[in-house]
Amino acid sequence: MGLIKAGMGAAGGTLADQWKEFFYCEAMDKDVMVTKGRKRTSSRSSNTKGNDNIISNGSVIAVADGQCMIIVEQGKIVEVCAEPGEFKYDTSTEPSIFTGSLGNGIKETFKTIGKRFTFGGDTGKDQRVYYFNTKELIDNKFGTPNPIPFRVVDSKIGLDVDVSVRCSGVYSYKIADPLLFYTNVCGNVEQDYRRSELDSQLKTEFISALQPAFGKLSDLELRPNQIVSHNTDLEEAMNTALSAKWSELRGLKVVSIALGSVTLPPEDAEMIKQLQRTAVLQNPNMAGATLVGAQADAMKAAASNSAGAMQGFMGMGMAMNAGGGMNAQSLFAMGQQQQAAQQQMPQQQAPQQPPVQKNTWKCACGAEATGKFCPECGSPKPVESNGWVCSCGAVNKGKFCSECGAKKPQGAPLYRCDKCGWEPEDPAHPPKFCPECGDPFDENDIR
């Protein structure tokens, strides 16, 4: 009875799986990252007894925008499609008499029946369709439970100090590599894989990556209150910090970050303000203006001194003497000297442009010209007589034409001194000795 039942099950199951399937995916919820594809059947369909995890050859799979589809056979990814439209699975190992030639389809069908008989009438095979949500997964809230160190750098005033910041906001991410996500995260899910299964881990890693990301922003010399307006820089820094855990391991990518606020403890904010005020006094003009304001306030305070104005002015004079005698006039003079020195530096450091040398020639009328024609009489620039004229019209001095490559025609040899380079007016009839260096002309001087 067992063999008969196995034979009937193998034959019946194979015949039921001959129908082509149509796989589809309903609109994926924003919390669903991966879902298993479903076969479309209705009350009018005859394909109601086939196995759920069998995909017949020639089956059609619909892929929508924002989705990526993979086919897994025996636990191995065999097909991937991220382009919206219709995907036809014509390389399946499950034959169908409705695909290809009828004779070959019947032959393969009987082979499948025999194979299933050895598994007791069952398939012995698992084929699945999975859909990945490749849209942007938004509204992931985050906040820093503990302060994050942030280095405040301002090279203009010589500021370099560490403070603590807190921030909160939302971020979004997407599945950039579905194959990595399937292999290392979701695997063979039964129905759906939701964000809730991964959000806690991702949020912890996101917050821990804020510190190295803020370090990148510190290198840009951004202040804490400027971070909110540099979201693009923060997104790039976060992707760099999370590349090992998100991109390379899970196939995820940060898309956008929106910071609600970045706050400092009151003592850190006051420290930065004080350091900035002190750094401003490095400018002698600002220091002089501050001193003038302080002196004016001191004079008002001395005039209203309860012990008498004279006593107050005496105390103010003692304070000025204790300060080394520095006055506002000296500071303003130092500022003018610095400004004058800064104005002279660009002029002193400006590179001198070399004079442009023009190739001039003298016309027969006596005028000097730089172009191809004389500006006085309009005569064309004379062609250099040295060299030979090719059949293409180009004037050359070598053994081959520089325009067409033709070889120099045979004729009287042309001479040039091989010592100093002097050329006679008639290159074909040189003197016996070079008038410049005295070297005799021989076969070594032929060019």
Protein backbone atom coordinates (compact mmCIF):
# COMPACT_ATOMS: atom_id res chain seq x y z
CA MET A 1 0.00 0.00 0.00
CA GLY A 2 2.86 2.38 0.76
CA LEU A 3 4.35 2.05 -2.72
CA ILE A 4 0.98 2.54 -4.37
CA LYS A 5 0.29 5.61 -2.26
CA ALA A 6 3.76 7.03 -3.03
CA GLY A 7 3.27 6.42 -6.76
CA MET A 8 -0.14 8.06 -6.78
CA GLY A 9 1.15 10.99 -4.72
CA ALA A 10 4.16 11.48 -7.01
CA ALA A 11 2.00 11.38 -10.16
CA GLY A 12 -0.78 13.55 -8.73
CA GLY A 13 1.60 16.13 -7.26
CA THR A 14 3.64 16.38 -10.45
CA LEU A 15 0.53 16.84 -12.59
CA ALA A 16 -0.83 19.47 -10.16
CA ASP A 17 2.46 21.38 -10.42
CA GLN A 18 2.32 21.49 -14.23
CA TRP A 19 0.37 24.75 -14.19
CA LYS A 20 2.32 27.97 -14.53
CA GLU A 21 2.15 30.18 -11.45
CA PHE A 22 1.72 33.93 -11.17
CA PHE A 23 3.46 35.38 -8.12
CA TYR A 24 2.73 38.87 -6.85
CA CYS A 25 3.12 41.09 -3.81
CA GLU A 26 0.46 43.33 -2.37
CA ALA A 27 1.37 46.91 -1.37
CA MET A 28 4.05 46.48 1.28
CA ASP A 29 3.42 48.21 4.58
CA LYS A 30 6.01 50.78 5.73
CA ASP A 31 6.97 48.45 8.61
CA VAL A 32 7.57 45.40 6.35
CA MET A 33 11.10 44.94 5.05
CA VAL A 34 10.79 41.48 3.45
CA THR A 35 7.73 39.40 2.55
CA LYS A 36 7.18 36.06 0.84
CA GLY A 37 5.57 36.11 -2.61
CA ARG A 38 2.15 34.58 -3.02
CA LYS A 39 0.55 32.63 -5.87
CA ARG A 40 -2.55 34.21 -7.33
CA THR A 41 -5.52 31.79 -7.32
CA SER A 42 -9.23 32.46 -7.54
CA SER A 43 -12.51 30.54 -7.64
CA ARG A 44 -12.07 30.12 -11.39
CA SER A 45 -8.51 28.77 -11.08
CA SER A 46 -7.68 25.09 -11.52
CA ASN A 47 -4.27 25.56 -9.98
CA THR A 48 -5.42 24.98 -6.40
CA LYS A 49 -3.71 21.69 -5.54
CA GLY A 50 -0.11 22.53 -6.40
CA ASN A 51 2.63 22.82 -3.80
CA ASP A 52 3.22 26.26 -2.31
CA ASN A 53 7.00 26.06 -2.56
CA ILE A 54 7.24 24.85 -6.15
CA ILE A 55 7.70 27.22 -9.11
CA SER A 56 7.01 25.61 -12.47
CA ASN A 57 9.12 26.46 -15.49
CA GLY A 58 7.70 29.47 -17.35
CA SER A 59 5.99 30.98 -14.30
CA VAL A 60 5.60 34.78 -14.17
CA ILE A 61 6.57 37.02 -11.24
CA ALA A 62 5.40 40.65 -11.01
CA VAL A 63 7.81 43.23 -9.58
CA ALA A 64 6.59 46.72 -8.61
CA ASP A 65 8.43 50.01 -8.10
CA GLY A 66 10.35 50.13 -4.83
CA GLN A 67 10.69 46.33 -4.72
CA CYS A 68 13.40 43.78 -5.39
CA MET A 69 12.56 40.12 -6.00
CA ILE A 70 14.74 37.07 -5.42
CA ILE A 71 14.09 33.39 -6.08
CA VAL A 72 15.57 30.93 -3.59
CA GLU A 73 15.90 27.28 -4.55
CA GLN A 74 17.01 24.73 -1.97
CA GLY A 75 18.20 27.63 0.22
CA LYS A 76 20.33 29.21 -2.53
CA ILE A 77 19.59 32.45 -4.38
CA VAL A 78 19.23 31.61 -8.08
CA GLU A 79 17.53 34.73 -9.55
CA VAL A 80 17.38 38.44 -8.70
CA CYS A 81 15.23 41.16 -10.30
CA ALA A 82 15.06 44.81 -9.17
CA GLU A 83 13.52 46.23 -12.37
CA PRO A 84 9.77 46.94 -12.25
CA GLY A 85 7.72 44.80 -14.61
CA GLU A 86 7.18 41.15 -15.44
CA PHE A 87 9.85 38.55 -14.75
CA LYS A 88 9.57 35.15 -16.45
CA TYR A 89 11.25 32.27 -14.63
CA ASP A 90 12.27 30.03 -17.54
CA THR A 91 15.23 28.28 -15.89
CA SER A 92 13.32 26.41 -13.20
CA THR A 93 14.21 22.80 -12.44
CA GLU A 94 10.49 21.96 -12.21
CA PRO A 95 9.27 21.12 -15.76
CA SER A 96 5.91 22.11 -17.25
CA ILE A 97 4.25 20.69 -20.35
CA PHE A 98 3.05 24.24 -21.10
CA THR A 99 6.59 25.48 -21.67
CA GLY A 100 8.81 24.38 -24.54
CA SER A 101 8.13 21.41 -26.79
CA LEU A 102 5.39 19.02 -25.71
CA GLY A 103 7.52 15.91 -26.19
CA ASN A 104 10.38 17.21 -24.08
CA GLY A 105 7.89 18.45 -21.44
CA ILE A 106 6.28 15.00 -21.11
CA LYS A 107 9.70 13.35 -20.89
CA GLU A 108 10.85 15.68 -18.10
CA THR A 109 7.52 15.26 -16.30
CA PHE A 110 7.96 11.48 -16.07
CA LYS A 111 11.49 12.01 -14.75
CA THR A 112 10.07 14.25 -12.02
CA ILE A 113 7.44 11.62 -11.13
CA GLY A 114 10.19 9.05 -10.71
CA LYS A 115 12.25 11.40 -8.56
CA ARG A 116 9.29 12.23 -6.33
CA PHE A 117 8.46 8.54 -5.96
CA THR A 118 11.82 8.07 -4.21
CA PHE A 119 10.78 10.76 -1.68
CA GLY A 120 7.55 8.91 -0.86
CA GLY A 121 5.49 10.91 -3.35
CA ASP A 122 6.58 14.32 -2.02
CA THR A 123 8.61 16.93 -3.90
CA GLY A 124 11.98 16.84 -2.12
CA LYS A 125 12.44 20.43 -3.29
CA ASP A 126 11.87 23.94 -1.93
CA GLN A 127 11.49 27.03 -4.14
CA ARG A 128 10.45 30.43 -2.78
CA VAL A 129 9.89 33.98 -3.99
CA TYR A 130 10.80 36.89 -1.67
CA TYR A 131 10.09 40.58 -2.12
CA PHE A 132 12.29 43.26 -0.52
CA ASN A 133 11.07 46.75 0.30
CA THR A 134 13.74 49.01 -1.25
CA LYS A 135 11.87 52.25 -0.50
CA GLU A 136 13.10 54.73 2.11
CA LEU A 137 12.11 53.58 5.60
CA ILE A 138 11.34 56.82 7.41
CA ASP A 139 10.43 58.13 10.87
CA ASN A 140 13.07 56.36 12.95
CA LYS A 141 13.35 58.51 16.07
CA PHE A 142 16.54 58.72 18.10
CA GLY A 143 17.96 60.61 21.06
CA THR A 144 21.21 60.57 23.02
CA PRO A 145 20.62 59.31 26.58
CA ASN A 146 24.18 60.33 27.50
CA PRO A 147 26.15 63.39 26.35
CA ILE A 148 28.43 62.94 23.34
CA PRO A 149 31.90 64.54 23.29
CA PHE A 150 32.30 67.22 20.63
CA ARG A 151 35.50 69.06 19.84
CA VAL A 152 35.02 72.76 19.08
CA VAL A 153 37.80 74.04 16.80
CA ASP A 154 38.27 77.55 15.40
CA SER A 155 41.73 78.02 13.90
CA LYS A 156 41.08 81.74 13.28
CA ILE A 157 41.04 82.53 16.98
CA GLY A 158 43.07 79.54 18.19
CA LEU A 159 40.10 77.83 19.90
CA ASP A 160 40.34 74.09 20.58
CA VAL A 161 38.18 72.76 23.41
CA ASP A 162 36.08 69.64 24.14
CA VAL A 163 32.44 70.00 25.16
CA SER A 164 29.48 67.66 25.64
CA VAL A 165 26.39 67.81 23.42
CA ARG A 166 22.98 66.15 23.39
CA CYS A 167 20.87 65.77 20.27
CA SER A 168 17.64 64.20 19.06
CA GLY A 169 15.85 63.80 15.77
CA VAL A 170 14.78 61.26 13.16
CA TYR A 171 16.64 59.32 10.49
CA SER A 172 15.72 57.15 7.53
CA TYR A 173 17.47 54.24 5.87
CA LYS A 174 16.91 51.78 3.02
CA ILE A 175 17.92 48.31 1.89
CA ALA A 176 20.72 49.05 -0.59
CA ASP A 177 21.86 45.42 -1.07
CA PRO A 178 18.98 42.89 -0.77
CA LEU A 179 21.30 39.90 -1.21
CA LEU A 180 23.40 40.88 1.82
CA PHE A 181 20.27 41.58 3.84
CA TYR A 182 18.81 38.17 2.98
CA THR A 183 22.05 36.30 3.64
CA ASN A 184 23.00 37.96 6.93
CA VAL A 185 19.73 39.19 8.43
CA CYS A 186 16.35 37.79 7.43
CA GLY A 187 17.05 34.43 5.73
CA ASN A 188 14.11 32.11 4.90
CA VAL A 189 11.29 33.96 6.64
CA GLU A 190 7.92 32.26 6.83
CA GLN A 191 5.83 35.30 5.84
CA ASP A 192 7.07 38.81 6.78
CA TYR A 193 10.22 40.35 8.27
CA ARG A 194 9.36 43.63 10.02
CA ARG A 195 11.39 46.64 11.13
CA SER A 196 10.51 45.99 14.78
CA GLU A 197 12.78 42.93 14.75
CA LEU A 198 15.81 45.08 13.88
CA ASP A 199 15.03 48.63 15.04
CA SER A 200 16.43 48.31 18.55
CA GLN A 201 19.81 47.08 17.28
CA LEU A 202 19.96 49.69 14.53
CA LYS A 203 19.11 52.55 16.89
CA THR A 204 21.84 51.55 19.34
CA GLU A 205 24.43 51.33 16.57
CA PHE A 206 23.22 54.64 15.09
CA ILE A 207 23.69 56.51 18.36
CA SER A 208 27.13 54.95 18.94
CA ALA A 209 28.18 56.11 15.44
CA LEU A 210 27.29 59.72 16.22
CA GLN A 211 30.55 60.26 18.12
CA PRO A 212 32.92 59.45 15.19
CA ALA A 213 30.54 61.29 12.83
CA PHE A 214 30.70 64.38 15.04
CA GLY A 215 34.48 64.03 14.94
CA LYS A 216 34.31 64.43 11.13
CA LEU A 217 32.24 67.59 11.57
CA SER A 218 34.78 68.90 14.09
CA ASP A 219 37.44 68.64 11.39
CA LEU A 220 35.28 71.02 9.33
CA GLU A 221 35.48 73.48 12.27
CA LEU A 222 31.72 73.50 12.76
CA ARG A 223 30.27 74.76 15.99
CA PRO A 224 27.54 72.76 17.77
CA ASN A 225 24.80 75.17 16.69
CA GLN A 226 25.88 74.76 13.02
CA ILE A 227 25.45 70.97 12.93
CA VAL A 228 21.70 71.27 12.28
CA SER A 229 22.34 73.16 9.02
CA HIS A 230 24.91 70.61 7.73
CA ASN A 231 22.71 67.53 7.40
CA THR A 232 24.42 66.39 4.18
CA ASP A 233 27.84 66.36 5.85
CA LEU A 234 26.37 64.48 8.81
CA GLU A 235 24.74 61.86 6.53
CA GLU A 236 28.04 61.22 4.74
CA ALA A 237 29.88 60.98 8.06
CA MET A 238 27.28 58.56 9.46
CA ASN A 239 27.47 56.30 6.39
CA THR A 240 31.26 56.26 6.77
CA ALA A 241 31.01 55.38 10.47
CA LEU A 242 28.34 52.70 9.87
CA SER A 243 29.83 51.22 6.70
CA ALA A 244 31.27 48.14 8.43
CA LYS A 245 28.09 47.20 10.33
CA TRP A 246 25.37 48.46 8.00
CA SER A 247 26.64 48.60 4.41
CA GLU A 248 29.13 45.73 4.36
CA LEU A 249 27.30 43.40 6.78
CA ARG A 250 23.57 44.07 6.32
CA GLY A 251 23.31 45.97 3.03
CA LEU A 252 21.68 49.02 4.67
CA LYS A 253 22.37 52.71 4.00
CA VAL A 254 21.47 55.92 5.83
CA VAL A 255 19.38 58.14 3.53
CA SER A 256 18.65 61.24 5.58
CA ILE A 257 19.03 62.68 9.08
CA ALA A 258 16.95 65.49 10.56
CA LEU A 259 18.23 66.87 13.86
CA GLY A 260 15.64 68.48 16.06
CA SER A 261 18.16 70.19 18.34
CA VAL A 262 21.77 70.10 19.49
CA THR A 263 22.20 71.40 23.03
CA LEU A 264 25.19 72.05 25.29
CA PRO A 265 25.28 72.13 29.10
CA PRO A 266 25.04 75.75 30.35
CA GLU A 267 28.59 75.67 31.75
CA ASP A 268 30.07 74.51 28.41
CA ALA A 269 28.13 77.14 26.46
CA GLU A 270 29.31 79.87 28.83
CA MET A 271 32.92 78.61 28.59
CA ILE A 272 32.88 78.86 24.78
CA LYS A 273 31.44 82.37 24.92
CA GLN A 274 34.11 83.48 27.39
CA LEU A 275 36.91 81.99 25.29
CA GLN A 276 35.54 83.71 22.19
CA ARG A 277 35.41 87.05 24.00
CA THR A 278 38.99 86.59 25.15
CA ALA A 279 40.16 85.56 21.66
CA VAL A 280 38.63 88.70 20.16
CA LEU A 281 41.02 90.80 22.27
CA GLN A 282 43.94 89.42 20.25
CA ASN A 283 43.04 92.12 17.74
CA PRO A 284 44.67 95.36 19.01
CA ASN A 285 41.80 97.50 17.67
CA MET A 286 39.21 95.39 19.50
CA ALA A 287 41.35 95.40 22.64
CA GLY A 288 41.66 99.20 22.43
CA ALA A 289 37.91 99.63 21.97
CA THR A 290 37.27 97.35 24.95
CA LEU A 291 39.75 99.32 27.04
CA VAL A 292 38.08 102.62 26.09
CA GLY A 293 34.71 101.20 27.11
CA ALA A 294 36.13 99.92 30.41
CA GLN A 295 37.74 103.28 31.14
CA ALA A 296 34.45 105.08 30.45
CA ASP A 297 32.63 102.75 32.85
CA ALA A 298 35.38 103.25 35.44
CA MET A 299 35.07 107.03 35.17
CA LYS A 300 31.32 106.82 35.71
CA ALA A 301 31.86 104.58 38.71
CA ALA A 302 34.54 106.93 40.15
CA ALA A 303 32.31 109.96 39.75
CA SER A 304 29.59 108.23 41.74
CA ASN A 305 31.95 106.88 44.42
CA SER A 306 30.39 107.22 47.88
CA ALA A 307 33.80 108.16 49.35
CA GLY A 308 34.13 111.08 46.98
CA ALA A 309 34.99 111.47 43.31
CA MET A 310 38.64 112.29 44.05
CA GLN A 311 39.09 109.04 45.95
CA GLY A 312 37.51 107.12 43.07
CA PHE A 313 39.76 108.71 40.44
CA MET A 314 42.84 107.97 42.55
CA GLY A 315 41.87 104.30 42.66
CA MET A 316 41.31 104.26 38.90
CA GLY A 317 44.78 105.76 38.31
CA MET A 318 46.41 103.14 40.51
CA ALA A 319 44.65 100.39 38.55
CA MET A 320 45.88 101.80 35.24
CA ASN A 321 49.47 101.97 36.51
CA ALA A 322 49.23 98.37 37.74
CA GLY A 323 48.22 97.32 34.20
CA GLY A 324 51.65 98.25 32.83
CA GLY A 325 50.66 101.66 31.50
CA MET A 326 49.00 100.24 28.40
CA ASN A 327 46.52 102.71 26.94
CA ALA A 328 43.99 102.65 24.12
CA GLN A 329 46.08 104.92 21.89
CA SER A 330 48.97 102.43 21.87
CA LEU A 331 46.62 99.58 21.02
CA PHE A 332 45.06 101.51 18.11
CA ALA A 333 48.55 102.29 16.79
CA MET A 334 49.44 98.58 16.87
CA GLY A 335 46.24 97.79 14.97
CA GLN A 336 47.07 100.31 12.24
CA GLN A 337 50.55 98.82 11.88
CA GLN A 338 49.10 95.33 11.47
CA GLN A 339 46.61 96.49 8.86
CA ALA A 340 49.33 98.27 6.89
CA ALA A 341 51.54 95.17 7.00
CA GLN A 342 48.66 92.95 5.78
CA GLN A 343 47.96 95.30 2.87
CA GLN A 344 51.61 95.26 1.79
CA MET A 345 52.03 91.47 1.98
CA PRO A 346 49.90 90.58 -1.10
CA GLN A 347 51.76 93.18 -3.15
CA GLN A 348 55.16 91.87 -2.08
CA GLN A 349 54.20 88.23 -2.60
CA ALA A 350 52.53 88.77 -5.98
CA PRO A 351 54.58 86.91 -8.61
CA GLN A 352 56.00 89.01 -11.38
CA GLN A 353 54.68 88.01 -14.78
CA PRO A 354 57.45 87.45 -17.34
CA PRO A 355 57.30 89.82 -20.31
CA VAL A 356 55.59 88.40 -23.34
CA GLN A 357 58.08 88.01 -26.13
CA LYS A 358 56.62 88.55 -29.56
CA ASN A 359 58.09 87.11 -32.74
CA THR A 360 58.74 90.24 -34.80
CA TRP A 361 59.96 90.54 -38.37
CA LYS A 362 61.06 93.51 -40.48
CA CYS A 363 59.25 94.29 -43.70
CA ALA A 364 60.98 95.56 -46.86
CA CYS A 365 59.36 98.95 -46.27
CA GLY A 366 61.21 99.26 -42.97
CA ALA A 367 58.25 98.68 -40.61
CA GLU A 368 58.34 96.02 -37.87
CA ALA A 369 55.43 93.58 -37.72
CA THR A 370 54.32 90.69 -35.47
CA GLY A 371 51.53 89.18 -37.57
CA LYS A 372 51.44 87.55 -40.97
CA PHE A 373 51.10 90.88 -42.83
CA CYS A 374 52.85 94.25 -42.58
CA PRO A 375 50.63 96.88 -40.86
CA GLU A 376 52.07 99.66 -43.14
CA CYS A 377 52.11 98.25 -46.67
CA GLY A 378 50.19 94.96 -46.25
CA SER A 379 53.00 92.79 -47.60
CA PRO A 380 52.89 89.16 -46.42
CA LYS A 381 55.50 87.82 -44.05
CA PRO A 382 58.37 86.34 -46.09
CA VAL A 383 58.80 82.57 -45.98
CA GLU A 384 62.05 81.39 -44.44
CA SER A 385 64.46 80.46 -47.17
CA ASN A 386 66.30 77.90 -45.10
CA GLY A 387 65.07 74.38 -45.71
CA TRP A 388 63.20 72.68 -48.52
CA VAL A 389 59.63 72.96 -49.77
CA CYS A 390 57.57 69.77 -49.88
CA SER A 391 55.08 68.97 -52.60
CA CYS A 392 52.29 69.69 -50.06
CA GLY A 393 53.61 73.26 -49.65
CA ALA A 394 55.13 72.93 -46.17
CA VAL A 395 58.62 74.32 -45.52
CA ASN A 396 60.85 71.83 -43.71
CA LYS A 397 64.40 71.59 -42.43
CA GLY A 398 64.59 67.91 -41.56
CA LYS A 399 64.74 64.77 -43.68
CA PHE A 400 60.95 64.28 -43.63
CA CYS A 401 57.99 66.63 -44.10
CA SER A 402 56.38 67.68 -40.82
CA GLU A 403 52.91 67.82 -42.42
CA CYS A 404 52.61 64.80 -44.74
CA GLY A 405 55.70 62.79 -43.78
CA ALA A 406 57.15 62.77 -47.31
CA LYS A 407 60.89 62.14 -47.58
CA LYS A 408 63.18 65.00 -48.48
CA PRO A 409 63.90 64.92 -52.24
CA GLN A 410 67.39 64.03 -53.38
CA GLY A 411 69.53 67.01 -54.28
CA ALA A 412 72.39 69.11 -53.03
CA PRO A 413 73.11 68.48 -49.34
CA LEU A 414 72.24 71.20 -46.83
CA TYR A 415 74.81 72.17 -44.21
CA ARG A 416 74.66 73.35 -40.60
CA CYS A 417 77.59 73.64 -38.20
CA ASP A 418 77.56 70.67 -35.86
CA LYS A 419 79.45 72.65 -33.18
CA CYS A 420 77.50 75.89 -32.73
CA GLY A 421 74.48 75.39 -35.01
CA TRP A 422 75.25 78.27 -37.38
CA GLU A 423 73.60 78.02 -40.81
CA PRO A 424 74.89 79.71 -43.98
CA GLU A 425 72.60 81.90 -46.06
CA ASP A 426 72.86 79.33 -48.84
CA PRO A 427 72.69 76.00 -46.96
CA ALA A 428 73.75 74.11 -50.09
CA HIS A 429 77.03 76.08 -50.50
CA PRO A 430 78.66 76.67 -47.09
CA PRO A 431 82.07 78.31 -46.55
CA LYS A 432 85.06 76.16 -45.74
CA PHE A 433 85.04 77.22 -42.09
CA CYS A 434 82.26 78.30 -39.70
CA PRO A 435 82.52 82.09 -39.11
CA GLU A 436 81.21 81.64 -35.53
CA CYS A 437 83.39 78.86 -34.10
CA GLY A 438 85.96 78.18 -36.88
CA ASP A 439 84.99 74.52 -37.26
CA PRO A 440 85.54 73.21 -40.83
CA PHE A 441 82.47 72.07 -42.76
CA ASP A 442 82.51 68.37 -43.71
CA GLU A 443 80.09 65.43 -43.98
CA ASN A 444 79.32 65.67 -40.24
CA ASP A 445 77.66 69.05 -40.88
CA ILE A 446 75.17 67.74 -43.40
CA ARG A 447 71.61 67.91 -42.01
